[in-house]
C-alpha atoms as a PDB file:
ATOM      1  CA  MET A   1     104.877-110.551  -8.049  1.00  0.00           C
ATOM      2  CA  GLU A   2     103.340-108.393 -10.699  1.00  0.00           C
ATOM      3  CA  GLN A   3      99.930-109.395 -11.497  1.00  0.00           C
ATOM      4  CA  PHE A   4     100.804-110.594 -15.114  1.00  0.00           C
ATOM      5  CA  ASP A   5     103.807-112.729 -14.055  1.00  0.00           C
ATOM      6  CA  LEU A   6     103.498-116.188 -15.214  1.00  0.00           C
ATOM      7  CA  VAL A   7     105.285-118.991 -13.531  1.00  0.00           C
ATOM      8  CA  PHE A   8     106.362-121.813 -15.683  1.00  0.00           C
ATOM      9  CA  ALA A   9     108.167-124.000 -13.073  1.00  0.00           C
ATOM     10  CA  LYS A  10     109.027-123.877  -9.325  1.00  0.00           C
ATOM     11  CA  THR A  11     111.195-125.391  -6.844  1.00  0.00           C
ATOM     12  CA  ASN A  12     111.813-124.934  -3.103  1.00  0.00           C
ATOM     13  CA  ARG A  13     114.340-122.133  -3.861  1.00  0.00           C
ATOM     14  CA  ILE A  14     113.589-120.681  -7.255  1.00  0.00           C
ATOM     15  CA  ILE A  15     110.860-120.092  -9.859  1.00  0.00           C
ATOM     16  CA  LEU A  16     111.094-119.725 -13.702  1.00  0.00           C
ATOM     17  CA  ARG A  17     108.735-117.049 -14.678  1.00  0.00           C
ATOM     18  CA  ARG A  18     108.109-114.425 -17.358  1.00  0.00           C
ATOM     19  CA  PHE A  19     110.171-111.252 -17.060  1.00  0.00           C
ATOM     20  CA  ASN A  20     108.590-108.069 -15.912  1.00  0.00           C
ATOM     21  CA  HIS A  21     109.612-104.373 -15.679  1.00  0.00           C
ATOM     22  CA  ASN A  22     111.078-104.919 -12.178  1.00  0.00           C
ATOM     23  CA  ASP A  23     113.886-107.174 -13.470  1.00  0.00           C
ATOM     24  CA  THR A  24     115.428-104.455 -15.734  1.00  0.00           C
ATOM     25  CA  LYS A  25     117.990-103.263 -13.298  1.00  0.00           C
ATOM     26  CA  SER A  26     119.149-106.637 -12.025  1.00  0.00           C
ATOM     27  CA  PHE A  27     119.313-107.982 -15.541  1.00  0.00           C
ATOM     28  CA  TYR A  28     121.311-105.153 -16.580  1.00  0.00           C
ATOM     29  CA  LEU A  29     123.766-105.549 -13.614  1.00  0.00           C
ATOM     30  CA  TYR A  30     124.673-109.197 -14.345  1.00  0.00           C
ATOM     31  CA  ARG A  31     124.575-108.923 -18.127  1.00  0.00           C
ATOM     32  CA  SER A  32     126.972-105.940 -18.195  1.00  0.00           C
ATOM     33  CA  ASN A  33     129.321-107.779 -15.964  1.00  0.00           C
ATOM     34  CA  PRO A  34     132.508-108.607 -18.102  1.00  0.00           C
ATOM     35  CA  GLU A  35     132.967-111.950 -16.286  1.00  0.00           C
ATOM     36  CA  ILE A  36     129.287-112.985 -17.203  1.00  0.00           C
ATOM     37  CA  ALA A  37     129.795-111.753 -20.945  1.00  0.00           C
ATOM     38  CA  LYS A  38     133.173-113.672 -21.139  1.00  0.00           C
ATOM     39  CA  PHE A  39     131.477-116.740 -22.709  1.00  0.00           C
ATOM     40  CA  GLN A  40     128.450-115.009 -24.354  1.00  0.00           C
ATOM     41  CA  SER A  41     127.790-113.364 -27.579  1.00  0.00           C
ATOM     42  CA  TRP A  42     127.300-109.811 -26.100  1.00  0.00           C
ATOM     43  CA  GLU A  43     129.624-107.189 -24.910  1.00  0.00           C
ATOM     44  CA  ASN A  44     129.424-103.589 -23.740  1.00  0.00           C
ATOM     45  CA  TYR A  45     125.907-104.235 -22.500  1.00  0.00           C
ATOM     46  CA  GLN A  46     124.007-101.015 -21.931  1.00  0.00           C
ATOM     47  CA  TYR A  47     120.895-100.121 -19.704  1.00  0.00           C
ATOM     48  CA  HIS A  48     118.720 -99.563 -22.839  1.00  0.00           C
ATOM     49  CA  ASP A  49     119.708-102.949 -24.194  1.00  0.00           C
ATOM     50  CA  ALA A  50     118.320-104.376 -20.901  1.00  0.00           C
ATOM     51  CA  GLU A  51     115.135-102.366 -21.234  1.00  0.00           C
ATOM     52  CA  ASN A  52     114.517-103.399 -24.777  1.00  0.00           C
ATOM     53  CA  PHE A  53     115.215-107.073 -23.993  1.00  0.00           C
ATOM     54  CA  VAL A  54     112.751-107.010 -20.962  1.00  0.00           C
ATOM     55  CA  ASN A  55     110.137-105.253 -22.845  1.00  0.00           C
ATOM     56  CA  GLU A  56     110.386-107.748 -25.823  1.00  0.00           C
ATOM     57  CA  GLN A  57     110.401-110.845 -23.518  1.00  0.00           C
ATOM     58  CA  MET A  58     107.206-109.696 -21.842  1.00  0.00           C
ATOM     59  CA  LYS A  59     105.534-109.920 -25.149  1.00  0.00           C
ATOM     60  CA  HIS A  60     106.706-113.511 -26.201  1.00  0.00           C
ATOM     61  CA  ASN A  61     105.657-116.887 -25.214  1.00  0.00           C
ATOM     62  CA  PRO A  62     107.780-120.042 -25.031  1.00  0.00           C
ATOM     63  CA  ASN A  63     107.538-122.894 -27.512  1.00  0.00           C
ATOM     64  CA  GLN A  64     107.055-120.783 -30.789  1.00  0.00           C
ATOM     65  CA  PRO A  65     109.025-122.486 -33.593  1.00  0.00           C
ATOM     66  CA  GLY A  66     111.939-120.407 -34.735  1.00  0.00           C
ATOM     67  CA  THR A  67     112.088-118.123 -31.802  1.00  0.00           C
ATOM     68  CA  TRP A  68     114.013-117.812 -28.543  1.00  0.00           C
ATOM     69  CA  PHE A  69     112.303-117.146 -25.234  1.00  0.00           C
ATOM     70  CA  GLN A  70     114.033-116.309 -21.931  1.00  0.00           C
ATOM     71  CA  PHE A  71     112.740-117.334 -18.592  1.00  0.00           C
ATOM     72  CA  ALA A  72     113.498-115.188 -15.643  1.00  0.00           C
ATOM     73  CA  ILE A  73     115.150-117.244 -12.832  1.00  0.00           C
ATOM     74  CA  ALA A  74     113.911-115.578  -9.567  1.00  0.00           C
ATOM     75  CA  LEU A  75     114.278-116.644  -5.802  1.00  0.00           C
ATOM     76  CA  SER A  76     111.093-118.146  -4.494  1.00  0.00           C
ATOM     77  CA  GLU A  77     111.240-116.338  -1.215  1.00  0.00           C
ATOM     78  CA  ASN A  78     111.246-112.701  -2.600  1.00  0.00           C
ATOM     79  CA  ASN A  79     110.862-113.048  -6.447  1.00  0.00           C
ATOM     80  CA  GLN A  80     114.373-111.461  -6.886  1.00  0.00           C
ATOM     81  CA  LEU A  81     115.790-112.023 -10.370  1.00  0.00           C
ATOM     82  CA  ILE A  82     119.120-113.843 -10.305  1.00  0.00           C
ATOM     83  CA  GLY A  83     119.534-115.067 -13.801  1.00  0.00           C
ATOM     84  CA  ASP A  84     117.781-116.500 -16.852  1.00  0.00           C
ATOM     85  CA  CYS A  85     117.353-119.575 -18.839  1.00  0.00           C
ATOM     86  CA  ALA A  86     117.098-119.322 -22.742  1.00  0.00           C
ATOM     87  CA  LEU A  87     114.708-121.692 -24.878  1.00  0.00           C
ATOM     88  CA  HIS A  88     115.404-121.968 -28.603  1.00  0.00           C
ATOM     89  CA  THR A  89     112.407-123.781 -30.305  1.00  0.00           C
ATOM     90  CA  LEU A  90     113.845-125.099 -33.638  1.00  0.00           C
ATOM     91  CA  LEU A  91     111.756-124.062 -36.711  1.00  0.00           C
ATOM     92  CA  ILE A  92     112.423-127.140 -38.799  1.00  0.00           C
ATOM     93  CA  GLU A  93     111.854-129.694 -35.737  1.00  0.00           C
ATOM     94  CA  PRO A  94     110.047-128.072 -32.696  1.00  0.00           C
ATOM     95  CA  ARG A  95     110.208-131.245 -30.763  1.00  0.00           C
ATOM     96  CA  ILE A  96     113.925-130.624 -30.371  1.00  0.00           C
ATOM     97  CA  VAL A  97     114.790-127.532 -28.522  1.00  0.00           C
ATOM     98  CA  GLU A  98     118.199-125.656 -27.485  1.00  0.00           C
ATOM     99  CA  ILE A  99     118.719-124.281 -24.029  1.00  0.00           C
ATOM    100  CA  GLY A 100     121.119-121.819 -22.341  1.00  0.00           C
ATOM    101  CA  PHE A 101     121.368-120.253 -19.056  1.00  0.00           C
ATOM    102  CA  THR A 102     123.102-117.268 -17.312  1.00  0.00           C
ATOM    103  CA  LEU A 103     123.331-116.693 -13.482  1.00  0.00           C
ATOM    104  CA  SER A 104     124.308-113.509 -11.716  1.00  0.00           C
ATOM    105  CA  PRO A 105     127.907-113.848 -10.153  1.00  0.00           C
ATOM    106  CA  SER A 106     126.504-113.210  -6.607  1.00  0.00           C
ATOM    107  CA  HIS A 107     124.349-116.381  -6.795  1.00  0.00           C
ATOM    108  CA  GLN A 108     126.831-118.730  -8.588  1.00  0.00           C
ATOM    109  CA  GLY A 109     128.300-121.570  -6.799  1.00  0.00           C
ATOM    110  CA  LYS A 110     125.029-122.309  -4.673  1.00  0.00           C
ATOM    111  CA  GLY A 111     123.405-124.765  -6.913  1.00  0.00           C
ATOM    112  CA  TYR A 112     120.949-122.349  -8.341  1.00  0.00           C
ATOM    113  CA  ALA A 113     122.003-122.946 -12.059  1.00  0.00           C
ATOM    114  CA  THR A 114     121.616-126.784 -11.579  1.00  0.00           C
ATOM    115  CA  GLU A 115     118.121-126.332  -9.965  1.00  0.00           C
ATOM    116  CA  ALA A 116     116.986-123.958 -12.530  1.00  0.00           C
ATOM    117  CA  VAL A 117     118.098-126.042 -15.477  1.00  0.00           C
ATOM    118  CA  ARG A 118     116.581-129.122 -13.845  1.00  0.00           C
ATOM    119  CA  ALA A 119     113.305-127.329 -13.442  1.00  0.00           C
ATOM    120  CA  LEU A 120     113.592-126.180 -17.049  1.00  0.00           C
ATOM    121  CA  LEU A 121     114.241-129.778 -18.386  1.00  0.00           C
ATOM    122  CA  ASP A 122     111.166-131.036 -16.393  1.00  0.00           C
ATOM    123  CA  TYR A 123     109.017-128.288 -17.909  1.00  0.00           C
ATOM    124  CA  LEU A 124     110.220-128.947 -21.483  1.00  0.00           C
ATOM    125  CA  PHE A 125     109.932-132.716 -21.215  1.00  0.00           C
ATOM    126  CA  PHE A 126     106.620-133.090 -19.168  1.00  0.00           C
ATOM    127  CA  THR A 127     104.696-129.936 -19.901  1.00  0.00           C
ATOM    128  CA  LEU A 128     105.731-129.138 -23.396  1.00  0.00           C
ATOM    129  CA  LYS A 129     106.496-132.819 -24.408  1.00  0.00           C
ATOM    130  CA  LYS A 130     109.802-132.219 -26.105  1.00  0.00           C
ATOM    131  CA  HIS A 131     111.721-135.256 -27.419  1.00  0.00           C
ATOM    132  CA  LYS A 132     115.256-133.890 -27.251  1.00  0.00           C
ATOM    133  CA  ILE A 133     117.121-130.960 -25.532  1.00  0.00           C
ATOM    134  CA  ILE A 134     120.403-129.693 -26.783  1.00  0.00           C
ATOM    135  CA  ALA A 135     122.842-127.221 -25.372  1.00  0.00           C
ATOM    136  CA  PHE A 136     126.174-125.623 -26.664  1.00  0.00           C
ATOM    137  CA  SER A 137     129.021-124.482 -24.380  1.00  0.00           C
ATOM    138  CA  ASP A 138     132.287-122.787 -25.163  1.00  0.00           C
ATOM    139  CA  VAL A 139     134.799-125.459 -24.286  1.00  0.00           C
ATOM    140  CA  ARG A 140     136.569-123.029 -21.891  1.00  0.00           C
ATOM    141  CA  ASN A 141     133.229-122.589 -19.844  1.00  0.00           C
ATOM    142  CA  ASN A 142     133.856-125.109 -17.144  1.00  0.00           C
ATOM    143  CA  ARG A 143     130.992-124.004 -14.837  1.00  0.00           C
ATOM    144  CA  SER A 144     128.369-124.399 -17.596  1.00  0.00           C
ATOM    145  CA  ILE A 145     129.852-127.637 -18.608  1.00  0.00           C
ATOM    146  CA  ALA A 146     129.677-129.057 -15.166  1.00  0.00           C
ATOM    147  CA  VAL A 147     125.968-128.003 -14.860  1.00  0.00           C
ATOM    148  CA  LEU A 148     125.192-129.972 -17.965  1.00  0.00           C
ATOM    149  CA  GLU A 149     127.045-132.938 -17.100  1.00  0.00           C
ATOM    150  CA  ARG A 150     125.595-132.882 -13.510  1.00  0.00           C
ATOM    151  CA  LEU A 151     122.225-133.124 -14.994  1.00  0.00           C
ATOM    152  CA  GLY A 152     123.096-136.195 -17.143  1.00  0.00           C
ATOM    153  CA  MET A 153     123.231-134.427 -20.494  1.00  0.00           C
ATOM    154  CA  ARG A 154     125.653-136.245 -22.897  1.00  0.00           C
ATOM    155  CA  ARG A 155     128.520-134.609 -24.775  1.00  0.00           C
ATOM    156  CA  GLU A 156     127.522-135.445 -28.474  1.00  0.00           C
ATOM    157  CA  GLY A 157     130.461-133.459 -30.043  1.00  0.00           C
ATOM    158  CA  HIS A 158     133.302-131.049 -30.152  1.00  0.00           C
ATOM    159  CA  LEU A 159     132.632-128.528 -32.733  1.00  0.00           C
ATOM    160  CA  LEU A 160     135.948-126.879 -33.950  1.00  0.00           C
ATOM    161  CA  GLN A 161     135.974-123.079 -34.394  1.00  0.00           C
ATOM    162  CA  ASN A 162     132.212-123.207 -34.543  1.00  0.00           C
ATOM    163  CA  TYR A 163     131.432-119.453 -34.066  1.00  0.00           C
ATOM    164  CA  MET A 164     133.148-116.156 -34.178  1.00  0.00           C
ATOM    165  CA  SER A 165     132.981-114.332 -30.762  1.00  0.00           C
ATOM    166  CA  LYS A 166     134.758-111.099 -29.895  1.00  0.00           C
ATOM    167  CA  GLY A 167     137.190-111.389 -32.714  1.00  0.00           C
ATOM    168  CA  GLN A 168     138.240-115.008 -32.539  1.00  0.00           C
ATOM    169  CA  TRP A 169     136.867-118.501 -33.531  1.00  0.00           C
ATOM    170  CA  VAL A 170     135.576-120.496 -30.657  1.00  0.00           C
ATOM    171  CA  ASP A 171     135.257-124.225 -30.184  1.00  0.00           C
ATOM    172  CA  GLU A 172     131.962-125.561 -28.681  1.00  0.00           C
ATOM    173  CA  TYR A 173     130.756-128.724 -27.058  1.00  0.00           C
ATOM    174  CA  GLN A 174     127.273-129.944 -28.011  1.00  0.00           C
ATOM    175  CA  TYR A 175     125.367-131.631 -25.283  1.00  0.00           C
ATOM    176  CA  SER A 176     121.993-133.314 -25.476  1.00  0.00           C
ATOM    177  CA  ILE A 177     119.527-135.516 -23.578  1.00  0.00           C
ATOM    178  CA  LEU A 178     116.528-137.431 -24.699  1.00  0.00           C
ATOM    179  CA  LYS A 179     113.181-137.456 -22.885  1.00  0.00           C
ATOM    180  CA  SER A 180     113.680-141.239 -22.261  1.00  0.00           C
ATOM    181  CA  GLU A 181     117.211-140.614 -20.652  1.00  0.00           C
ATOM    182  CA  TRP A 182     115.816-137.808 -18.587  1.00  0.00           C
ATOM    183  CA  GLU A 183     112.955-140.006 -17.226  1.00  0.00           C
ATOM    184  CA  ASN A 184     115.473-142.671 -16.455  1.00  0.00           C
ATOM    185  CA  ASN A 185     117.634-140.223 -14.539  1.00  0.00           C
ATOM    186  CA  GLU A 186     114.878-138.748 -12.633  1.00  0.00           C
ATOM    187  CA  ARG A 187     113.678-142.492 -11.640  1.00  0.00           C
ATOM    188  CA  LYS A 188     117.155-143.142 -10.390  1.00  0.00           C
ATOM    189  CA  ASN A 189     117.318-139.942  -8.339  1.00  0.00           C
ATOM    190  CA  ASP A 190     113.987-140.730  -6.818  1.00  0.00           C
ATOM    191  CA  ASN A 191     115.150-144.133  -5.762  1.00  0.00           C
ATOM    192  CA  GLU A 192     118.397-142.939  -4.138  1.00  0.00           C
END
């Protein structure tokens, strides 16, 4: 790891850490993949976009009201970047945050997304003391929906034509979980 990497959360297989310059190529490769961009706001992602993104993220810290922060998802064994998790700390009520996540196609289907988001929820609830975490998903994005539901997040709404993406209006589901619900879920998991 580069000397200035900061690890925010760790599991047996992955770490959530600050981005570093070594991540640029891997980040570009999955962000520029049309399958990954399908349910995301970006398209035609260029290498200079990745460089700018990584450089900006290296300057930011999580938990700043009104900002987005990306956590790099890296393999514990070799620090290889395999995806990222987003944190949007709301300006008006910073005890409520929004999350998102993206995983490289070569690492999908192996439980990494669920593991990373679980680690992120633990960090947000127990380290940053958040009250509620929300997430939005394109209604067609079955894999993301499955991750959110697997972690016990509750579908709170179906937002019709909630945003414009790539020339069409898109429906979204809104998910959320309260700290008290997360604590109860984690206690149940510990007792199983």
